[in-house]
Structures are given as C-alpha cells and as structure tokens.
Amino acid sequence: IWCFFLALFEADAWTGEQDAHFFIDDPVSSMDDHNIFITADSITKLIDDKIASKSEKRIIVTTHHIGLFSILSDRLMNSTHRNNTRRSILSIHNNQLELKNHDKDVFLYHLYLMQILNECINEKKIMGYHFVMLRQILEIISSFLGTGGIKKTLEEIGYRDNLEMVSNQVNSLSHKDARFQPAELEPNDRDLLVDIFSKIQEKYNFIIH
C-alpha cells in the first residue's frame, strides 16, 4: 500500500479534490524499528518534493511509534515547513481521550512520560498502566547509560540492597496486560511507583513542568 501511495504521488495521479488532504495512517509497525529512519526519510522527502510552503495541500500522518513521531517532529521543525507543521499527541485523561498540541521545539519521550506520571501522582490517580510508563522510563535511562533492562537505573537511583526484589516487582506490575488495566493500584504498589519516580527525579532532575 505504501509503495502504491508513493507511486500515485510520482505519477501525480490524484484528481479533483482528492489531493486536498493526504492521510498516512501508521506507516511503521512495532516490528519495523530498523525502518523508522527510512520511513521518516520517505515522508520528509515526499513533503519537500510535493508540498510547497504556500500550498493548500495537507499531509496528515498518524503513528503509534514514538520514535517515528520524534524523528519527523525534529525534521519538520527544523525545515522550511516549520510554520505549517502542527504536532499533536492523543492521550487519555480521566477516561476521556484528549488531542493535545505539542508546542515545544523538541519532543523527548522520557520527559513526556515523566510529565504524565507527575500529573497522576499529584492528582492521586495512579493506575495499573502507569507502571508500564515507569518501566519505559527506567529502560530509556538504562539504555542511555549503556545497558539494557531496568536494573542499571534502579541501582543508580539507590536500589542496591533490594535490587532484585524491586526489579521483580516492577517487571510483575508492568507485564504485557498491565496497559489494559484501568484499576487503581494497591497502596503498597502505589507507594513503590511514587518512590521510584521520586528517586529518578532526585537523581536526574528532569525539567517536567
């Protein structure tokens, strides 16, 4: 489908009002991490070649892949298309979907997750799926430190004597089905999330406001 879509652009085969808006829905899957740069290159080249700065044509790209979002965001905001680029993030808040504009120049996923967790902690609405986000933050920091998994970050923020126990708890609470669990956490689990979050912020002092 993607090749056919690009071929239509090459042949300029759109007719009438069909070329007012082009909708590219989720062009990369979770299994295609190695292709996100190629896909981002294809989309940005398409925009550069086919969409003039004052054109009425619009390209709408949706993606669940945060890496592709980050790359496209960075490239478009550092191009002649900056003033015509609008970036939005679909999130859920109080069981309601919200489409929020992202108005900062750079999108950093770990800071976005930290903002979500900070908000849910302040509002005392910590749900099961928030542990999935916490695990992602731990993995991102560990990757930056040169290793995989979550243990390196947990050790760096102070969980040395009970590293295995805390690591196992995080793994258990962020299993693959946790993202679909809307229920609030048990008090002990909630306290663990808050403690880990606080230690991350104390150690790295991320700007999350």
Protein backbone atom coordinates (compact mmCIF):
# COMPACT_ATOMS: atom_id res chain seq x y z
CA ILE A 1 0.00 0.00 0.00
CA TRP A 2 2.83 2.39 0.88
CA CYS A 3 4.56 1.75 -2.46
CA PHE A 4 1.27 2.28 -4.31
CA PHE A 5 0.71 5.51 -2.40
CA LEU A 6 4.17 6.82 -3.34
CA ALA A 7 3.62 5.77 -6.96
CA LEU A 8 0.46 7.89 -7.12
CA PHE A 9 2.47 10.88 -5.99
CA GLU A 10 5.18 10.20 -8.55
CA ALA A 11 2.59 9.96 -11.33
CA ASP A 12 0.62 12.91 -9.96
CA ALA A 13 -2.42 10.68 -10.36
CA TRP A 14 -4.75 12.45 -7.93
CA THR A 15 -7.80 14.11 -9.41
CA GLY A 16 -10.15 16.89 -8.39
CA GLU A 17 -10.41 17.46 -4.65
CA GLN A 18 -8.69 14.17 -3.87
CA ASP A 19 -5.38 15.95 -3.45
CA ALA A 20 -6.51 18.39 -0.73
CA HIS A 21 -5.59 16.11 2.17
CA PHE A 22 -3.35 13.04 2.20
CA PHE A 23 -3.76 10.72 5.17
CA ILE A 24 -0.86 8.40 6.06
CA ASP A 25 -2.06 6.05 8.79
CA ASP A 26 0.58 4.37 10.95
CA PRO A 27 3.25 3.78 8.28
CA VAL A 28 5.59 1.80 10.56
CA SER A 29 4.85 -1.10 12.91
CA SER A 30 6.46 -2.06 16.21
CA MET A 31 8.34 -4.80 14.37
CA ASP A 32 9.95 -2.31 11.99
CA ASP A 33 12.17 -0.32 14.35
CA HIS A 34 15.06 -0.62 11.89
CA ASN A 35 12.91 1.02 9.19
CA ILE A 36 11.82 4.16 11.02
CA PHE A 37 14.64 6.30 9.60
CA ILE A 38 13.90 5.07 6.07
CA THR A 39 10.19 5.77 6.56
CA ALA A 40 10.91 9.21 8.02
CA ASP A 41 13.19 9.96 5.06
CA SER A 42 10.45 8.90 2.62
CA ILE A 43 7.83 11.09 4.28
CA THR A 44 10.04 14.17 4.63
CA LYS A 45 11.22 13.81 1.01
CA LEU A 46 7.59 13.48 -0.07
CA ILE A 47 6.72 16.69 1.76
CA ASP A 48 9.77 18.52 0.39
CA ASP A 49 9.10 17.43 -3.19
CA LYS A 50 5.32 17.61 -3.37
CA ILE A 51 4.12 20.13 -0.79
CA ALA A 52 5.07 23.75 -1.41
CA SER A 53 5.31 26.07 1.60
CA LYS A 54 2.24 28.02 0.46
CA SER A 55 0.33 25.04 -0.88
CA GLU A 56 -3.22 24.26 0.21
CA LYS A 57 -2.37 20.56 0.28
CA ARG A 58 -2.07 18.92 3.67
CA ILE A 59 -0.43 15.67 4.74
CA ILE A 60 -1.74 14.08 7.93
CA VAL A 61 0.46 11.39 9.49
CA THR A 62 -0.67 9.26 12.42
CA THR A 63 1.63 6.87 14.25
CA HIS A 64 1.76 4.90 17.47
CA HIS A 65 5.55 4.67 17.08
CA ILE A 66 7.09 7.31 19.30
CA GLY A 67 10.44 7.03 17.52
CA LEU A 68 8.93 7.96 14.16
CA PHE A 69 6.99 10.79 15.79
CA SER A 70 10.16 12.15 17.37
CA ILE A 71 12.20 11.97 14.14
CA LEU A 72 9.51 13.57 11.98
CA SER A 73 8.88 16.22 14.62
CA ASP A 74 12.55 17.17 14.76
CA ARG A 75 13.00 17.25 10.98
CA LEU A 76 9.87 19.23 10.19
CA MET A 77 10.50 21.76 12.94
CA ASN A 78 13.98 22.35 11.52
CA SER A 79 12.84 22.84 7.94
CA THR A 80 11.01 25.36 5.78
CA HIS A 81 7.79 23.57 6.79
CA ARG A 82 8.11 24.66 10.43
CA ASN A 83 5.31 27.23 10.31
CA ASN A 84 2.96 24.79 8.60
CA THR A 85 3.62 21.91 10.96
CA ARG A 86 1.24 21.02 13.75
CA ARG A 87 2.11 18.21 16.17
CA SER A 88 -0.49 16.63 18.43
CA ILE A 89 -0.49 13.79 20.93
CA LEU A 90 -3.57 11.69 21.65
CA SER A 91 -3.76 10.75 25.32
CA ILE A 92 -6.31 9.61 27.85
CA HIS A 93 -7.20 11.65 30.91
CA ASN A 94 -9.99 10.82 33.35
CA ASN A 95 -11.19 8.14 30.92
CA GLN A 96 -11.54 10.77 28.18
CA LEU A 97 -9.45 10.98 25.02
CA GLU A 98 -7.65 14.30 24.53
CA LEU A 99 -5.77 15.55 21.48
CA LYS A 100 -3.16 17.96 22.81
CA ASN A 101 -0.91 20.16 20.72
CA HIS A 102 2.82 19.78 21.33
CA ASP A 103 4.23 23.29 21.02
CA LYS A 104 7.84 22.76 22.10
CA ASP A 105 10.63 22.53 19.54
CA VAL A 106 11.93 19.15 20.69
CA PHE A 107 9.90 16.11 21.70
CA LEU A 108 11.61 13.91 24.28
CA TYR A 109 9.58 10.82 25.08
CA HIS A 110 11.01 10.17 28.54
CA LEU A 111 10.11 13.72 29.63
CA TYR A 112 6.61 13.27 28.26
CA LEU A 113 6.21 10.09 30.34
CA MET A 114 7.62 11.84 33.40
CA GLN A 115 5.05 14.62 32.95
CA ILE A 116 2.22 12.09 32.80
CA LEU A 117 3.41 10.29 35.94
CA ASN A 118 3.96 13.56 37.79
CA GLU A 119 0.41 14.60 36.95
CA CYS A 120 -1.17 11.32 38.04
CA ILE A 121 0.83 11.35 41.30
CA ASN A 122 -0.24 14.92 42.08
CA GLU A 123 -3.87 14.07 41.32
CA LYS A 124 -3.59 10.81 43.32
CA LYS A 125 -4.92 8.80 40.37
CA ILE A 126 -2.24 6.18 39.83
CA MET A 127 -3.49 3.33 37.65
CA GLY A 128 -2.07 -0.05 36.70
CA TYR A 129 -0.89 1.10 33.29
CA HIS A 130 1.26 3.83 34.84
CA PHE A 131 3.75 1.12 35.83
CA VAL A 132 4.20 0.37 32.13
CA MET A 133 5.23 4.00 31.63
CA LEU A 134 7.56 3.88 34.63
CA ARG A 135 9.25 0.79 33.22
CA GLN A 136 9.73 2.56 29.88
CA ILE A 137 11.44 5.46 31.66
CA LEU A 138 13.75 3.06 33.51
CA GLU A 139 14.62 1.29 30.24
CA ILE A 140 15.30 4.56 28.39
CA ILE A 141 17.67 5.75 31.13
CA SER A 142 19.41 2.35 31.28
CA SER A 143 19.87 2.44 27.51
CA PHE A 144 21.42 5.90 27.79
CA LEU A 145 23.77 4.51 30.46
CA GLY A 146 24.89 1.81 28.03
CA THR A 147 22.97 -1.24 29.19
CA GLY A 148 19.59 -2.84 28.68
CA GLY A 149 16.80 -3.64 31.12
CA ILE A 150 15.84 -1.68 34.20
CA LYS A 151 18.32 -2.83 36.84
CA LYS A 152 21.04 -0.34 35.95
CA THR A 153 18.75 2.64 36.52
CA LEU A 154 17.30 1.15 39.71
CA GLU A 155 20.82 0.66 41.02
CA GLU A 156 21.85 4.19 40.05
CA ILE A 157 18.92 5.76 41.90
CA GLY A 158 19.63 3.86 45.11
CA TYR A 159 18.06 0.39 44.96
CA ARG A 160 21.23 -1.60 45.64
CA ASP A 161 20.45 -3.79 48.64
CA ASN A 162 17.00 -4.77 47.37
CA LEU A 163 17.68 -4.53 43.63
CA GLU A 164 16.36 -7.98 42.69
CA MET A 165 13.18 -7.60 44.71
CA VAL A 166 12.32 -4.16 43.32
CA SER A 167 13.24 -5.20 39.79
CA ASN A 168 10.95 -8.24 40.03
CA GLN A 169 8.13 -6.08 41.39
CA VAL A 170 8.42 -3.60 38.52
CA ASN A 171 8.54 -6.43 35.98
CA SER A 172 5.48 -8.05 37.52
CA LEU A 173 3.47 -4.82 37.68
CA SER A 174 4.34 -3.82 34.11
CA HIS A 175 3.56 -7.11 32.37
CA LYS A 176 2.05 -7.04 28.91
CA ASP A 177 -1.57 -6.92 30.14
CA ALA A 178 -0.99 -4.07 32.61
CA ARG A 179 -1.52 -1.39 29.96
CA PHE A 180 -5.14 -2.51 29.64
CA GLN A 181 -5.87 -2.41 33.38
CA PRO A 182 -7.68 0.81 34.36
CA ALA A 183 -7.94 -0.08 38.06
CA GLU A 184 -6.06 1.99 40.63
CA LEU A 185 -3.02 0.39 42.22
CA GLU A 186 -2.93 -1.17 45.65
CA PRO A 187 -1.42 1.14 48.31
CA ASN A 188 1.92 -0.73 48.50
CA ASP A 189 2.31 -0.77 44.72
CA ARG A 190 1.32 2.89 44.51
CA ASP A 191 3.93 3.78 47.13
CA LEU A 192 6.59 1.89 45.17
CA LEU A 193 5.80 3.79 41.97
CA VAL A 194 5.92 7.13 43.78
CA ASP A 195 9.20 6.19 45.48
CA ILE A 196 10.88 5.14 42.22
CA PHE A 197 9.59 8.23 40.42
CA SER A 198 10.84 10.50 43.23
CA LYS A 199 14.28 8.86 43.21
CA ILE A 200 14.54 9.26 39.41
CA GLN A 201 13.67 12.93 39.67
CA GLU A 202 16.03 13.45 42.62
CA LYS A 203 18.90 11.79 40.74
CA TYR A 204 18.43 13.33 37.28
CA ASN A 205 16.40 16.48 37.99
CA PHE A 206 14.40 16.33 34.75
CA ILE A 207 12.53 19.50 33.77
CA ILE A 208 8.96 18.23 33.58
CA HIS A 209 6.79 21.32 34.06
